PDB file of N, CA and C in Angstrom:
ATOM      1  N   UNK A   1      56.870 177.023 129.080  1.00  0.00           N
ATOM      2  CA  UNK A   1      57.168 176.199 128.198  1.00  0.00           C
ATOM      3  C   UNK A   1      59.026 176.071 128.160  1.00  0.00           C
ATOM      4  N   UNK A   2      59.651 176.609 128.858  1.00  0.00           N
ATOM      5  CA  UNK A   2      60.790 176.211 129.166  1.00  0.00           C
ATOM      6  C   UNK A   2      61.557 175.090 129.895  1.00  0.00           C
ATOM      7  N   UNK A   3      60.213 174.552 130.638  1.00  0.00           N
ATOM      8  CA  UNK A   3      60.129 173.371 131.640  1.00  0.00           C
ATOM      9  C   UNK A   3      60.197 172.015 130.324  1.00  0.00           C
ATOM     10  N   UNK A   4      59.120 172.534 129.492  1.00  0.00           N
ATOM     11  CA  UNK A   4      59.126 171.571 128.606  1.00  0.00           C
ATOM     12  C   UNK A   4      60.334 171.269 127.607  1.00  0.00           C
ATOM     13  N   UNK A   5      61.011 172.481 127.177  1.00  0.00           N
ATOM     14  CA  UNK A   5      62.199 172.447 126.655  1.00  0.00           C
ATOM     15  C   UNK A   5      63.253 171.424 126.943  1.00  0.00           C
ATOM     16  N   UNK A   6      64.000 171.823 128.189  1.00  0.00           N
ATOM     17  CA  UNK A   6      64.345 170.896 129.278  1.00  0.00           C
ATOM     18  C   UNK A   6      63.568 169.324 129.502  1.00  0.00           C
ATOM     19  N   UNK A   7      62.634 169.101 129.340  1.00  0.00           N
ATOM     20  CA  UNK A   7      62.435 167.468 129.547  1.00  0.00           C
ATOM     21  C   UNK A   7      62.741 167.591 128.064  1.00  0.00           C
ATOM     22  N   UNK A   8      62.240 167.891 126.857  1.00  0.00           N
ATOM     23  CA  UNK A   8      62.852 167.404 125.615  1.00  0.00           C
ATOM     24  C   UNK A   8      64.284 166.852 125.764  1.00  0.00           C
ATOM     25  N   UNK A   9      64.989 167.690 126.150  1.00  0.00           N
ATOM     26  CA  UNK A   9      66.296 168.477 126.058  1.00  0.00           C
ATOM     27  C   UNK A   9      67.204 166.423 126.356  1.00  0.00           C
ATOM     28  N   UNK A  10      65.941 166.330 127.711  1.00  0.00           N
ATOM     29  CA  UNK A  10      66.896 165.230 128.636  1.00  0.00           C
ATOM     30  C   UNK A  10      66.414 164.300 128.151  1.00  0.00           C
ATOM     31  N   UNK A  11      65.191 163.756 127.115  1.00  0.00           N
ATOM     32  CA  UNK A  11      64.952 162.365 126.344  1.00  0.00           C
ATOM     33  C   UNK A  11      65.881 162.862 125.881  1.00  0.00           C
ATOM     34  N   UNK A  12      66.371 163.334 124.630  1.00  0.00           N
ATOM     35  CA  UNK A  12      67.275 163.266 123.742  1.00  0.00           C
ATOM     36  C   UNK A  12      68.486 162.641 124.279  1.00  0.00           C
ATOM     37  N   UNK A  13      69.087 163.500 125.129  1.00  0.00           N
ATOM     38  CA  UNK A  13      70.251 162.792 125.528  1.00  0.00           C
ATOM     39  C   UNK A  13      70.352 161.637 126.223  1.00  0.00           C
ATOM     40  N   UNK A  14      69.344 161.223 126.438  1.00  0.00           N
ATOM     41  CA  UNK A  14      68.910 160.049 127.111  1.00  0.00           C
ATOM     42  C   UNK A  14      69.168 158.884 126.167  1.00  0.00           C
ATOM     43  N   UNK A  15      68.117 159.544 125.124  1.00  0.00           N
ATOM     44  CA  UNK A  15      67.965 158.338 123.922  1.00  0.00           C
ATOM     45  C   UNK A  15      69.147 158.482 123.412  1.00  0.00           C
ATOM     46  N   UNK A  16      69.754 159.309 123.219  1.00  0.00           N
ATOM     47  CA  UNK A  16      71.335 159.404 122.802  1.00  0.00           C
ATOM     48  C   UNK A  16      72.354 158.456 123.700  1.00  0.00           C
ATOM     49  N   UNK A  17      72.337 158.328 124.562  1.00  0.00           N
ATOM     50  CA  UNK A  17      73.159 157.347 125.546  1.00  0.00           C
ATOM     51  C   UNK A  17      73.006 156.333 125.184  1.00  0.00           C
ATOM     52  N   UNK A  18      71.391 155.805 125.533  1.00  0.00           N
ATOM     53  CA  UNK A  18      70.928 154.652 125.374  1.00  0.00           C
ATOM     54  C   UNK A  18      71.301 154.369 123.392  1.00  0.00           C
ATOM     55  N   UNK A  19      71.081 154.867 122.941  1.00  0.00           N
ATOM     56  CA  UNK A  19      71.841 153.996 121.462  1.00  0.00           C
ATOM     57  C   UNK A  19      73.082 153.922 120.994  1.00  0.00           C
ATOM     58  N   UNK A  20      74.124 155.046 121.430  1.00  0.00           N
ATOM     59  CA  UNK A  20      75.090 154.760 121.940  1.00  0.00           C
ATOM     60  C   UNK A  20      75.912 153.500 122.514  1.00  0.00           C
ATOM     61  N   UNK A  21      75.076 153.038 123.798  1.00  0.00           N
ATOM     62  CA  UNK A  21      75.527 152.351 124.524  1.00  0.00           C
ATOM     63  C   UNK A  21      75.126 151.093 123.891  1.00  0.00           C
ATOM     64  N   UNK A  22      74.197 150.771 123.272  1.00  0.00           N
ATOM     65  CA  UNK A  22      73.538 149.575 122.457  1.00  0.00           C
ATOM     66  C   UNK A  22      74.232 149.537 121.567  1.00  0.00           C
ATOM     67  N   UNK A  23      74.774 150.770 120.646  1.00  0.00           N
ATOM     68  CA  UNK A  23      76.255 150.668 118.969  1.00  0.00           C
ATOM     69  C   UNK A  23      77.368 149.599 120.194  1.00  0.00           C
ATOM     70  N   UNK A  24      77.743 150.346 120.814  1.00  0.00           N
ATOM     71  CA  UNK A  24      78.938 149.762 121.979  1.00  0.00           C
ATOM     72  C   UNK A  24      78.887 148.373 121.888  1.00  0.00           C
ATOM     73  N   UNK A  25      77.943 147.797 122.790  1.00  0.00           N
ATOM     74  CA  UNK A  25      77.677 146.763 122.719  1.00  0.00           C
ATOM     75  C   UNK A  25      77.347 145.485 121.788  1.00  0.00           C
ATOM     76  N   UNK A  26      76.934 146.109 120.508  1.00  0.00           N
ATOM     77  CA  UNK A  26      76.758 145.345 119.446  1.00  0.00           C
ATOM     78  C   UNK A  26      77.677 145.398 118.870  1.00  0.00           C
ATOM     79  N   UNK A  27      78.833 145.972 118.769  1.00  0.00           N
ATOM     80  CA  UNK A  27      79.875 146.439 117.646  1.00  0.00           C
ATOM     81  C   UNK A  27      80.719 145.247 118.923  1.00  0.00           C
ATOM     82  N   UNK A  28      81.085 145.369 120.180  1.00  0.00           N
ATOM     83  CA  UNK A  28      81.944 144.147 121.346  1.00  0.00           C
ATOM     84  C   UNK A  28      81.411 142.652 121.046  1.00  0.00           C
ATOM     85  N   UNK A  29      79.965 142.673 120.866  1.00  0.00           N
ATOM     86  CA  UNK A  29      79.649 141.508 120.546  1.00  0.00           C
ATOM     87  C   UNK A  29      79.852 140.863 119.331  1.00  0.00           C
ATOM     88  N   UNK A  30      79.923 141.579 118.408  1.00  0.00           N
ATOM     89  CA  UNK A  30      80.681 141.286 117.273  1.00  0.00           C
ATOM     90  C   UNK A  30      81.844 140.618 116.277  1.00  0.00           C
ATOM     91  N   UNK A  31      82.814 141.089 117.514  1.00  0.00           N
ATOM     92  CA  UNK A  31      84.044 140.640 118.199  1.00  0.00           C
ATOM     93  C   UNK A  31      84.470 139.445 118.827  1.00  0.00           C
ATOM     94  N   UNK A  32      83.169 139.337 119.779  1.00  0.00           N
ATOM     95  CA  UNK A  32      83.657 138.355 120.982  1.00  0.00           C
ATOM     96  C   UNK A  32      84.348 138.841 122.140  1.00  0.00           C
ATOM     97  N   UNK A  33      83.925 139.935 122.079  1.00  0.00           N
ATOM     98  CA  UNK A  33      85.323 140.264 123.567  1.00  0.00           C
ATOM     99  C   UNK A  33      84.604 140.643 124.645  1.00  0.00           C
ATOM    100  N   UNK A  34      82.797 141.066 123.988  1.00  0.00           N
ATOM    101  CA  UNK A  34      82.342 141.009 125.625  1.00  0.00           C
ATOM    102  C   UNK A  34      80.915 140.572 125.934  1.00  0.00           C
ATOM    103  N   UNK A  35      80.876 139.066 125.161  1.00  0.00           N
ATOM    104  CA  UNK A  35      80.244 137.984 125.226  1.00  0.00           C
ATOM    105  C   UNK A  35      80.801 136.862 126.209  1.00  0.00           C
ATOM    106  N   UNK A  36      80.379 136.831 127.665  1.00  0.00           N
ATOM    107  CA  UNK A  36      80.921 136.019 128.410  1.00  0.00           C
ATOM    108  C   UNK A  36      80.966 134.191 127.881  1.00  0.00           C
ATOM    109  N   UNK A  37      80.302 133.970 127.389  1.00  0.00           N
ATOM    110  CA  UNK A  37      79.673 132.802 126.854  1.00  0.00           C
ATOM    111  C   UNK A  37      80.206 132.286 125.877  1.00  0.00           C
ATOM    112  N   UNK A  38      80.813 133.130 125.277  1.00  0.00           N
ATOM    113  CA  UNK A  38      82.122 132.938 123.761  1.00  0.00           C
ATOM    114  C   UNK A  38      83.549 132.209 124.453  1.00  0.00           C
ATOM    115  N   UNK A  39      83.871 131.004 123.589  1.00  0.00           N
ATOM    116  CA  UNK A  39      84.739 130.482 123.767  1.00  0.00           C
ATOM    117  C   UNK A  39      85.851 129.894 122.946  1.00  0.00           C
ATOM    118  N   UNK A  40      86.664 130.414 123.222  1.00  0.00           N
ATOM    119  CA  UNK A  40      87.663 130.336 121.622  1.00  0.00           C
ATOM    120  C   UNK A  40      88.533 129.185 122.308  1.00  0.00           C
ATOM    121  N   UNK A  41      88.652 128.228 121.156  1.00  0.00           N
ATOM    122  CA  UNK A  41      90.292 126.889 121.521  1.00  0.00           C
ATOM    123  C   UNK A  41      90.885 127.095 120.734  1.00  0.00           C
ATOM    124  N   UNK A  42      92.084 127.434 120.947  1.00  0.00           N
ATOM    125  CA  UNK A  42      93.062 127.522 119.762  1.00  0.00           C
ATOM    126  C   UNK A  42      94.112 126.220 120.453  1.00  0.00           C
ATOM    127  N   UNK A  43      94.440 125.750 119.048  1.00  0.00           N
ATOM    128  CA  UNK A  43      95.445 124.406 119.508  1.00  0.00           C
ATOM    129  C   UNK A  43      96.754 125.176 118.821  1.00  0.00           C
ATOM    130  N   UNK A  44      97.388 124.632 119.233  1.00  0.00           N
ATOM    131  CA  UNK A  44      98.978 124.622 118.533  1.00  0.00           C
ATOM    132  C   UNK A  44      99.454 123.551 119.068  1.00  0.00           C
ATOM    133  N   UNK A  45     100.052 123.644 117.589  1.00  0.00           N
ATOM    134  CA  UNK A  45     100.830 122.219 117.587  1.00  0.00           C
ATOM    135  C   UNK A  45     102.590 122.990 117.531  1.00  0.00           C
ATOM    136  N   UNK A  46     102.894 122.367 118.311  1.00  0.00           N
ATOM    137  CA  UNK A  46     104.576 122.977 118.554  1.00  0.00           C
ATOM    138  C   UNK A  46     105.552 121.914 118.077  1.00  0.00           C
ATOM    139  N   UNK A  47     105.864 121.812 116.628  1.00  0.00           N
ATOM    140  CA  UNK A  47     106.887 121.102 116.387  1.00  0.00           C
ATOM    141  C   UNK A  47     107.741 120.842 116.857  1.00  0.00           C
ATOM    142  N   UNK A  48     108.846 119.925 116.624  1.00  0.00           N
ATOM    143  CA  UNK A  48     110.484 119.558 117.733  1.00  0.00           C
ATOM    144  C   UNK A  48     110.826 120.802 116.540  1.00  0.00           C
ATOM    145  N   UNK A  49     111.728 120.973 117.012  1.00  0.00           N
ATOM    146  CA  UNK A  49     112.862 122.278 116.225  1.00  0.00           C
ATOM    147  C   UNK A  49     114.427 121.723 116.530  1.00  0.00           C
ATOM    148  N   UNK A  50     115.105 121.433 115.708  1.00  0.00           N
ATOM    149  CA  UNK A  50     116.375 120.339 115.347  1.00  0.00           C
ATOM    150  C   UNK A  50     117.934 121.976 116.319  1.00  0.00           C
ATOM    151  N   UNK A  51     118.354 121.685 117.273  1.00  0.00           N
ATOM    152  CA  UNK A  51     119.221 122.435 117.518  1.00  0.00           C
ATOM    153  C   UNK A  51     120.198 121.284 117.968  1.00  0.00           C
ATOM    154  N   UNK A  52     122.055 122.055 118.690  1.00  0.00           N
ATOM    155  CA  UNK A  52     122.677 121.511 118.400  1.00  0.00           C
ATOM    156  C   UNK A  52     123.374 121.425 119.896  1.00  0.00           C
ATOM    157  N   UNK A  53     124.187 120.534 120.234  1.00  0.00           N
ATOM    158  CA  UNK A  53     124.133 120.643 122.146  1.00  0.00           C
ATOM    159  C   UNK A  53     125.677 120.635 122.148  1.00  0.00           C
ATOM    160  N   UNK A  54     126.359 121.141 122.292  1.00  0.00           N
ATOM    161  CA  UNK A  54     128.030 121.259 122.930  1.00  0.00           C
ATOM    162  C   UNK A  54     128.671 120.882 124.046  1.00  0.00           C
ATOM    163  N   UNK A  55     128.833 119.255 124.010  1.00  0.00           N
ATOM    164  CA  UNK A  55     128.271 119.095 125.676  1.00  0.00           C
ATOM    165  C   UNK A  55     129.951 119.860 126.533  1.00  0.00           C
ATOM    166  N   UNK A  56     131.046 119.645 125.820  1.00  0.00           N
ATOM    167  CA  UNK A  56     131.972 120.287 126.495  1.00  0.00           C
ATOM    168  C   UNK A  56     132.204 121.943 126.913  1.00  0.00           C
ATOM    169  N   UNK A  57     131.037 122.246 126.210  1.00  0.00           N
ATOM    170  CA  UNK A  57     131.026 124.170 126.552  1.00  0.00           C
ATOM    171  C   UNK A  57     129.383 124.344 127.167  1.00  0.00           C
ATOM    172  N   UNK A  58     128.803 123.048 127.144  1.00  0.00           N
ATOM    173  CA  UNK A  58     127.374 123.249 127.344  1.00  0.00           C
ATOM    174  C   UNK A  58     126.465 124.509 126.718  1.00  0.00           C
ATOM    175  N   UNK A  59     126.621 124.687 125.264  1.00  0.00           N
ATOM    176  CA  UNK A  59     126.691 125.640 124.788  1.00  0.00           C
ATOM    177  C   UNK A  59     125.827 125.467 123.392  1.00  0.00           C
ATOM    178  N   UNK A  60     124.496 125.706 123.155  1.00  0.00           N
ATOM    179  CA  UNK A  60     123.560 125.113 122.242  1.00  0.00           C
ATOM    180  C   UNK A  60     123.514 126.400 121.073  1.00  0.00           C
ATOM    181  N   UNK A  61     122.617 125.798 119.821  1.00  0.00           N
ATOM    182  CA  UNK A  61     123.120 126.611 118.850  1.00  0.00           C
ATOM    183  C   UNK A  61     122.002 126.064 117.935  1.00  0.00           C
ATOM    184  N   UNK A  62     121.387 127.019 117.074  1.00  0.00           N
ATOM    185  CA  UNK A  62     120.198 127.218 116.200  1.00  0.00           C
ATOM    186  C   UNK A  62     121.141 127.054 114.628  1.00  0.00           C
ATOM    187  N   UNK A  63     121.459 126.063 113.832  1.00  0.00           N
ATOM    188  CA  UNK A  63     122.107 126.599 112.518  1.00  0.00           C
ATOM    189  C   UNK A  63     121.511 127.652 111.716  1.00  0.00           C
ATOM    190  N   UNK A  64     119.885 126.895 111.401  1.00  0.00           N
ATOM    191  CA  UNK A  64     118.970 128.156 110.965  1.00  0.00           C
ATOM    192  C   UNK A  64     119.368 129.538 111.315  1.00  0.00           C
ATOM    193  N   UNK A  65     119.385 129.880 112.513  1.00  0.00           N
ATOM    194  CA  UNK A  65     119.025 131.649 113.094  1.00  0.00           C
ATOM    195  C   UNK A  65     120.413 131.653 113.601  1.00  0.00           C
ATOM    196  N   UNK A  66     121.647 131.507 113.630  1.00  0.00           N
ATOM    197  CA  UNK A  66     123.156 131.298 114.008  1.00  0.00           C
ATOM    198  C   UNK A  66     122.679 132.302 115.164  1.00  0.00           C
ATOM    199  N   UNK A  67     122.023 131.881 116.244  1.00  0.00           N
ATOM    200  CA  UNK A  67     121.504 131.914 117.685  1.00  0.00           C
ATOM    201  C   UNK A  67     122.445 131.167 118.285  1.00  0.00           C
ATOM    202  N   UNK A  68     122.966 130.940 119.536  1.00  0.00           N
ATOM    203  CA  UNK A  68     123.980 130.164 120.656  1.00  0.00           C
ATOM    204  C   UNK A  68     123.061 130.560 121.737  1.00  0.00           C
ATOM    205  N   UNK A  69     122.976 129.787 122.647  1.00  0.00           N
ATOM    206  CA  UNK A  69     122.076 130.316 123.852  1.00  0.00           C
ATOM    207  C   UNK A  69     123.706 129.291 125.119  1.00  0.00           C
ATOM    208  N   UNK A  70     124.399 130.404 126.053  1.00  0.00           N
ATOM    209  CA  UNK A  70     125.002 129.552 127.144  1.00  0.00           C
ATOM    210  C   UNK A  70     124.991 130.294 128.384  1.00  0.00           C
ATOM    211  N   UNK A  71     125.115 129.422 129.373  1.00  0.00           N
ATOM    212  CA  UNK A  71     125.108 129.669 130.914  1.00  0.00           C
ATOM    213  C   UNK A  71     125.677 130.676 130.905  1.00  0.00           C
ATOM    214  N   UNK A  72     124.966 132.214 131.476  1.00  0.00           N
ATOM    215  CA  UNK A  72     125.909 132.873 132.313  1.00  0.00           C
ATOM    216  C   UNK A  72     126.300 133.156 133.882  1.00  0.00           C
ATOM    217  N   UNK A  73     127.524 132.803 133.938  1.00  0.00           N
ATOM    218  CA  UNK A  73     127.588 132.199 135.531  1.00  0.00           C
ATOM    219  C   UNK A  73     127.424 133.801 136.594  1.00  0.00           C
ATOM    220  N   UNK A  74     127.933 134.796 135.878  1.00  0.00           N
ATOM    221  CA  UNK A  74     127.889 136.493 136.289  1.00  0.00           C
ATOM    222  C   UNK A  74     126.085 136.436 137.060  1.00  0.00           C
ATOM    223  N   UNK A  75     125.305 136.288 135.793  1.00  0.00           N
ATOM    224  CA  UNK A  75     123.558 136.845 135.827  1.00  0.00           C
ATOM    225  C   UNK A  75     123.530 135.037 136.216  1.00  0.00           C
ATOM    226  N   UNK A  76     123.592 134.116 136.505  1.00  0.00           N
ATOM    227  CA  UNK A  76     123.021 132.828 136.413  1.00  0.00           C
ATOM    228  C   UNK A  76     121.477 132.646 135.866  1.00  0.00           C
ATOM    229  N   UNK A  77     121.900 132.819 134.209  1.00  0.00           N
ATOM    230  CA  UNK A  77     120.593 132.650 133.974  1.00  0.00           C
ATOM    231  C   UNK A  77     120.775 132.367 132.471  1.00  0.00           C
ATOM    232  N   UNK A  78     119.932 131.638 131.748  1.00  0.00           N
ATOM    233  CA  UNK A  78     120.752 131.146 129.839  1.00  0.00           C
ATOM    234  C   UNK A  78     120.376 132.601 128.714  1.00  0.00           C
ATOM    235  N   UNK A  79     121.398 132.449 128.010  1.00  0.00           N
ATOM    236  CA  UNK A  79     121.449 133.940 127.767  1.00  0.00           C
ATOM    237  C   UNK A  79     121.540 133.351 126.066  1.00  0.00           C
ATOM    238  N   UNK A  80     121.050 134.462 125.070  1.00  0.00           N
ATOM    239  CA  UNK A  80     120.813 134.303 123.784  1.00  0.00           C
ATOM    240  C   UNK A  80     121.590 134.728 122.959  1.00  0.00           C
ATOM    241  N   UNK A  81     122.392 134.901 122.025  1.00  0.00           N
ATOM    242  CA  UNK A  81     123.080 135.674 121.165  1.00  0.00           C
ATOM    243  C   UNK A  81     123.921 135.098 119.874  1.00  0.00           C
ATOM    244  N   UNK A  82     124.281 135.955 119.282  1.00  0.00           N
ATOM    245  CA  UNK A  82     124.324 135.531 118.218  1.00  0.00           C
ATOM    246  C   UNK A  82     126.289 135.732 117.774  1.00  0.00           C
ATOM    247  N   UNK A  83     126.895 136.085 118.961  1.00  0.00           N
ATOM    248  CA  UNK A  83     128.216 136.251 118.849  1.00  0.00           C
ATOM    249  C   UNK A  83     128.267 135.883 120.744  1.00  0.00           C
ATOM    250  N   UNK A  84     129.429 134.411 120.655  1.00  0.00           N
ATOM    251  CA  UNK A  84     129.602 134.069 121.875  1.00  0.00           C
ATOM    252  C   UNK A  84     130.568 134.814 122.509  1.00  0.00           C
ATOM    253  N   UNK A  85     130.666 135.032 124.175  1.00  0.00           N
ATOM    254  CA  UNK A  85     131.448 136.217 124.472  1.00  0.00           C
ATOM    255  C   UNK A  85     133.260 135.263 124.051  1.00  0.00           C
ATOM    256  N   UNK A  86     134.116 135.409 124.115  1.00  0.00           N
ATOM    257  CA  UNK A  86     135.160 135.531 123.662  1.00  0.00           C
ATOM    258  C   UNK A  86     135.715 133.914 125.342  1.00  0.00           C
ATOM    259  N   UNK A  87     135.399 134.007 125.988  1.00  0.00           N
ATOM    260  CA  UNK A  87     135.416 132.876 126.524  1.00  0.00           C
ATOM    261  C   UNK A  87     134.983 131.665 126.433  1.00  0.00           C
ATOM    262  N   UNK A  88     134.365 131.697 125.838  1.00  0.00           N
ATOM    263  CA  UNK A  88     133.782 130.340 125.149  1.00  0.00           C
ATOM    264  C   UNK A  88     134.629 129.999 123.946  1.00  0.00           C
ATOM    265  N   UNK A  89     135.154 128.836 123.720  1.00  0.00           N
ATOM    266  CA  UNK A  89     135.633 128.717 122.613  1.00  0.00           C
ATOM    267  C   UNK A  89     134.797 127.190 122.202  1.00  0.00           C
ATOM    268  N   UNK A  90     133.954 126.830 120.535  1.00  0.00           N
ATOM    269  CA  UNK A  90     133.769 125.958 120.510  1.00  0.00           C
ATOM    270  C   UNK A  90     134.526 124.604 120.375  1.00  0.00           C
ATOM    271  N   UNK A  91     134.495 123.489 120.505  1.00  0.00           N
ATOM    272  CA  UNK A  91     134.638 122.270 119.452  1.00  0.00           C
ATOM    273  C   UNK A  91     134.205 122.042 118.665  1.00  0.00           C
ATOM    274  N   UNK A  92     134.276 121.089 117.936  1.00  0.00           N
ATOM    275  CA  UNK A  92     133.686 120.292 116.736  1.00  0.00           C
ATOM    276  C   UNK A  92     132.916 119.326 117.722  1.00  0.00           C
ATOM    277  N   UNK A  93     132.918 118.765 118.261  1.00  0.00           N
ATOM    278  CA  UNK A  93     132.081 117.757 119.035  1.00  0.00           C
ATOM    279  C   UNK A  93     130.463 118.527 119.250  1.00  0.00           C
ATOM    280  N   UNK A  94     129.571 117.959 118.426  1.00  0.00           N
ATOM    281  CA  UNK A  94     128.432 118.364 119.092  1.00  0.00           C
ATOM    282  C   UNK A  94     127.514 117.318 118.252  1.00  0.00           C
ATOM    283  N   UNK A  95     125.955 117.327 118.895  1.00  0.00           N
ATOM    284  CA  UNK A  95     125.367 116.606 119.035  1.00  0.00           C
ATOM    285  C   UNK A  95     123.804 117.232 118.687  1.00  0.00           C
ATOM    286  N   UNK A  96     122.963 116.563 118.063  1.00  0.00           N
ATOM    287  CA  UNK A  96     122.019 116.992 117.397  1.00  0.00           C
ATOM    288  C   UNK A  96     120.743 116.727 118.569  1.00  0.00           C
ATOM    289  N   UNK A  97     120.174 117.737 118.959  1.00  0.00           N
ATOM    290  CA  UNK A  97     118.940 117.429 119.605  1.00  0.00           C
ATOM    291  C   UNK A  97     117.329 118.105 119.169  1.00  0.00           C
ATOM    292  N   UNK A  98     116.749 117.114 119.876  1.00  0.00           N
ATOM    293  CA  UNK A  98     115.405 118.206 119.292  1.00  0.00           C
ATOM    294  C   UNK A  98     114.662 118.907 120.232  1.00  0.00           C
ATOM    295  N   UNK A  99     113.948 119.740 120.233  1.00  0.00           N
ATOM    296  CA  UNK A  99     113.470 120.173 121.244  1.00  0.00           C
ATOM    297  C   UNK A  99     111.741 120.805 120.752  1.00  0.00           C
ATOM    298  N   UNK A 100     111.204 121.038 121.472  1.00  0.00           N
ATOM    299  CA  UNK A 100     109.883 121.379 122.063  1.00  0.00           C
ATOM    300  C   UNK A 100     109.642 123.061 121.816  1.00  0.00           C
ATOM    301  N   UNK A 101     109.662 124.085 120.814  1.00  0.00           N
ATOM    302  CA  UNK A 101     109.612 125.260 121.708  1.00  0.00           C
ATOM    303  C   UNK A 101     111.179 126.140 121.009  1.00  0.00           C
ATOM    304  N   UNK A 102     111.266 126.956 122.172  1.00  0.00           N
ATOM    305  CA  UNK A 102     112.613 128.067 121.446  1.00  0.00           C
ATOM    306  C   UNK A 102     113.726 128.166 122.521  1.00  0.00           C
ATOM    307  N   UNK A 103     113.210 127.500 123.733  1.00  0.00           N
ATOM    308  CA  UNK A 103     114.533 127.296 124.997  1.00  0.00           C
ATOM    309  C   UNK A 103     114.964 126.351 124.749  1.00  0.00           C
ATOM    310  N   UNK A 104     115.986 125.509 123.894  1.00  0.00           N
ATOM    311  CA  UNK A 104     116.703 124.201 124.052  1.00  0.00           C
ATOM    312  C   UNK A 104     117.335 124.256 125.284  1.00  0.00           C
ATOM    313  N   UNK A 105     117.484 124.977 126.136  1.00  0.00           N
ATOM    314  CA  UNK A 105     118.367 124.875 127.316  1.00  0.00           C
ATOM    315  C   UNK A 105     117.308 124.335 128.346  1.00  0.00           C
ATOM    316  N   UNK A 106     116.133 124.014 128.341  1.00  0.00           N
ATOM    317  CA  UNK A 106     114.851 123.313 129.106  1.00  0.00           C
ATOM    318  C   UNK A 106     115.368 122.526 129.487  1.00  0.00           C
ATOM    319  N   UNK A 107     116.181 121.402 128.863  1.00  0.00           N
ATOM    320  CA  UNK A 107     116.576 119.932 129.173  1.00  0.00           C
ATOM    321  C   UNK A 107     117.507 119.691 129.182  1.00  0.00           C
ATOM    322  N   UNK A 108     118.345 121.062 129.281  1.00  0.00           N
ATOM    323  CA  UNK A 108     119.740 120.989 130.066  1.00  0.00           C
ATOM    324  C   UNK A 108     120.358 120.168 130.998  1.00  0.00           C
ATOM    325  N   UNK A 109     119.426 119.539 131.983  1.00  0.00           N
ATOM    326  CA  UNK A 109     120.174 118.361 132.757  1.00  0.00           C
ATOM    327  C   UNK A 109     119.943 117.298 131.967  1.00  0.00           C
ATOM    328  N   UNK A 110     119.002 117.016 131.606  1.00  0.00           N
ATOM    329  CA  UNK A 110     118.890 115.470 130.576  1.00  0.00           C
ATOM    330  C   UNK A 110     120.104 115.422 130.049  1.00  0.00           C
ATOM    331  N   UNK A 111     120.505 117.258 129.553  1.00  0.00           N
ATOM    332  CA  UNK A 111     121.491 116.840 128.494  1.00  0.00           C
ATOM    333  C   UNK A 111     123.226 116.220 129.045  1.00  0.00           C
ATOM    334  N   UNK A 112     123.366 117.004 129.688  1.00  0.00           N
ATOM    335  CA  UNK A 112     124.109 117.250 130.808  1.00  0.00           C
ATOM    336  C   UNK A 112     124.535 115.615 131.050  1.00  0.00           C
ATOM    337  N   UNK A 113     123.523 115.354 131.393  1.00  0.00           N
ATOM    338  CA  UNK A 113     123.933 113.364 132.266  1.00  0.00           C
ATOM    339  C   UNK A 113     124.062 112.535 130.464  1.00  0.00           C
ATOM    340  N   UNK A 114     122.913 112.706 129.335  1.00  0.00           N
ATOM    341  CA  UNK A 114     123.485 112.247 128.697  1.00  0.00           C
ATOM    342  C   UNK A 114     124.539 111.956 127.519  1.00  0.00           C
ATOM    343  N   UNK A 115     125.558 113.462 127.536  1.00  0.00           N
ATOM    344  CA  UNK A 115     126.652 113.751 126.820  1.00  0.00           C
ATOM    345  C   UNK A 115     127.484 114.320 128.030  1.00  0.00           C
ATOM    346  N   UNK A 116     127.803 113.055 128.930  1.00  0.00           N
ATOM    347  CA  UNK A 116     128.924 112.957 130.052  1.00  0.00           C
ATOM    348  C   UNK A 116     130.234 113.451 129.297  1.00  0.00           C
ATOM    349  N   UNK A 117     131.278 114.446 130.111  1.00  0.00           N
ATOM    350  CA  UNK A 117     132.427 114.754 129.747  1.00  0.00           C
ATOM    351  C   UNK A 117     133.488 114.408 130.547  1.00  0.00           C
ATOM    352  N   UNK A 118     134.296 113.548 130.450  1.00  0.00           N
ATOM    353  CA  UNK A 118     135.241 112.688 131.044  1.00  0.00           C
ATOM    354  C   UNK A 118     136.394 113.723 131.456  1.00  0.00           C
ATOM    355  N   UNK A 119     136.756 113.986 132.371  1.00  0.00           N
ATOM    356  CA  UNK A 119     137.946 114.351 133.045  1.00  0.00           C
ATOM    357  C   UNK A 119     138.959 114.794 131.950  1.00  0.00           C
ATOM    358  N   UNK A 120     139.084 114.279 131.167  1.00  0.00           N
ATOM    359  CA  UNK A 120     139.931 113.891 129.749  1.00  0.00           C
ATOM    360  C   UNK A 120     139.793 114.389 128.599  1.00  0.00           C
ATOM    361  N   UNK A 121     137.874 114.977 128.817  1.00  0.00           N
ATOM    362  CA  UNK A 121     136.837 115.723 127.819  1.00  0.00           C
ATOM    363  C   UNK A 121     137.295 114.953 126.592  1.00  0.00           C
ATOM    364  N   UNK A 122     137.209 113.264 126.748  1.00  0.00           N
ATOM    365  CA  UNK A 122     136.263 112.970 126.023  1.00  0.00           C
ATOM    366  C   UNK A 122     134.904 112.514 126.276  1.00  0.00           C
ATOM    367  N   UNK A 123     134.028 112.590 125.467  1.00  0.00           N
ATOM    368  CA  UNK A 123     132.431 112.523 126.027  1.00  0.00           C
ATOM    369  C   UNK A 123     131.704 111.538 125.371  1.00  0.00           C
ATOM    370  N   UNK A 124     131.253 110.876 126.636  1.00  0.00           N
ATOM    371  CA  UNK A 124     130.248 109.075 126.539  1.00  0.00           C
ATOM    372  C   UNK A 124     129.047 109.654 126.424  1.00  0.00           C
ATOM    373  N   UNK A 125     128.474 109.218 125.958  1.00  0.00           N
ATOM    374  CA  UNK A 125     127.423 109.431 125.172  1.00  0.00           C
ATOM    375  C   UNK A 125     126.213 107.946 126.538  1.00  0.00           C
ATOM    376  N   UNK A 126     125.568 108.600 126.570  1.00  0.00           N
ATOM    377  CA  UNK A 126     124.488 107.187 127.316  1.00  0.00           C
ATOM    378  C   UNK A 126     123.595 107.167 126.329  1.00  0.00           C
ATOM    379  N   UNK A 127     123.600 105.783 126.180  1.00  0.00           N
ATOM    380  CA  UNK A 127     122.087 105.323 125.300  1.00  0.00           C
ATOM    381  C   UNK A 127     121.347 105.196 126.544  1.00  0.00           C
ATOM    382  N   UNK A 128     120.003 104.906 125.633  1.00  0.00           N
ATOM    383  CA  UNK A 128     118.781 104.371 126.647  1.00  0.00           C
ATOM    384  C   UNK A 128     118.387 102.806 126.558  1.00  0.00           C
ATOM    385  N   UNK A 129     118.711 102.579 127.253  1.00  0.00           N
ATOM    386  CA  UNK A 129     117.947 100.958 127.447  1.00  0.00           C
ATOM    387  C   UNK A 129     116.990 100.453 127.256  1.00  0.00           C
TER     388      UNK A 129
END
């Protein structure tokens, strides 16, 4: 009789495990996380965002958020801040630049070439031909 109860218990436990595994698989299938044939196509359209570029100091700003981006020589990387270091003073000459995304400095090499700062501080804008 004891043997029968152990066999019966084994069957109950195995049945519970199988049911639990099936429920788990069903729950994962409904979210699409475990089905390897499920593909999700996400199309994101990145719209151009308007920033301003200050060529004399090589600084970008987003007037909507108040954020500035500047090149930090000490760390050799672009920094974002809402307050510029005291060593950077912006002049009035700024140019609008349209950038895809949130990193206006990504096109910095092209911006430096386009908004060339002469030795006397005058800025010469190169136009496309």
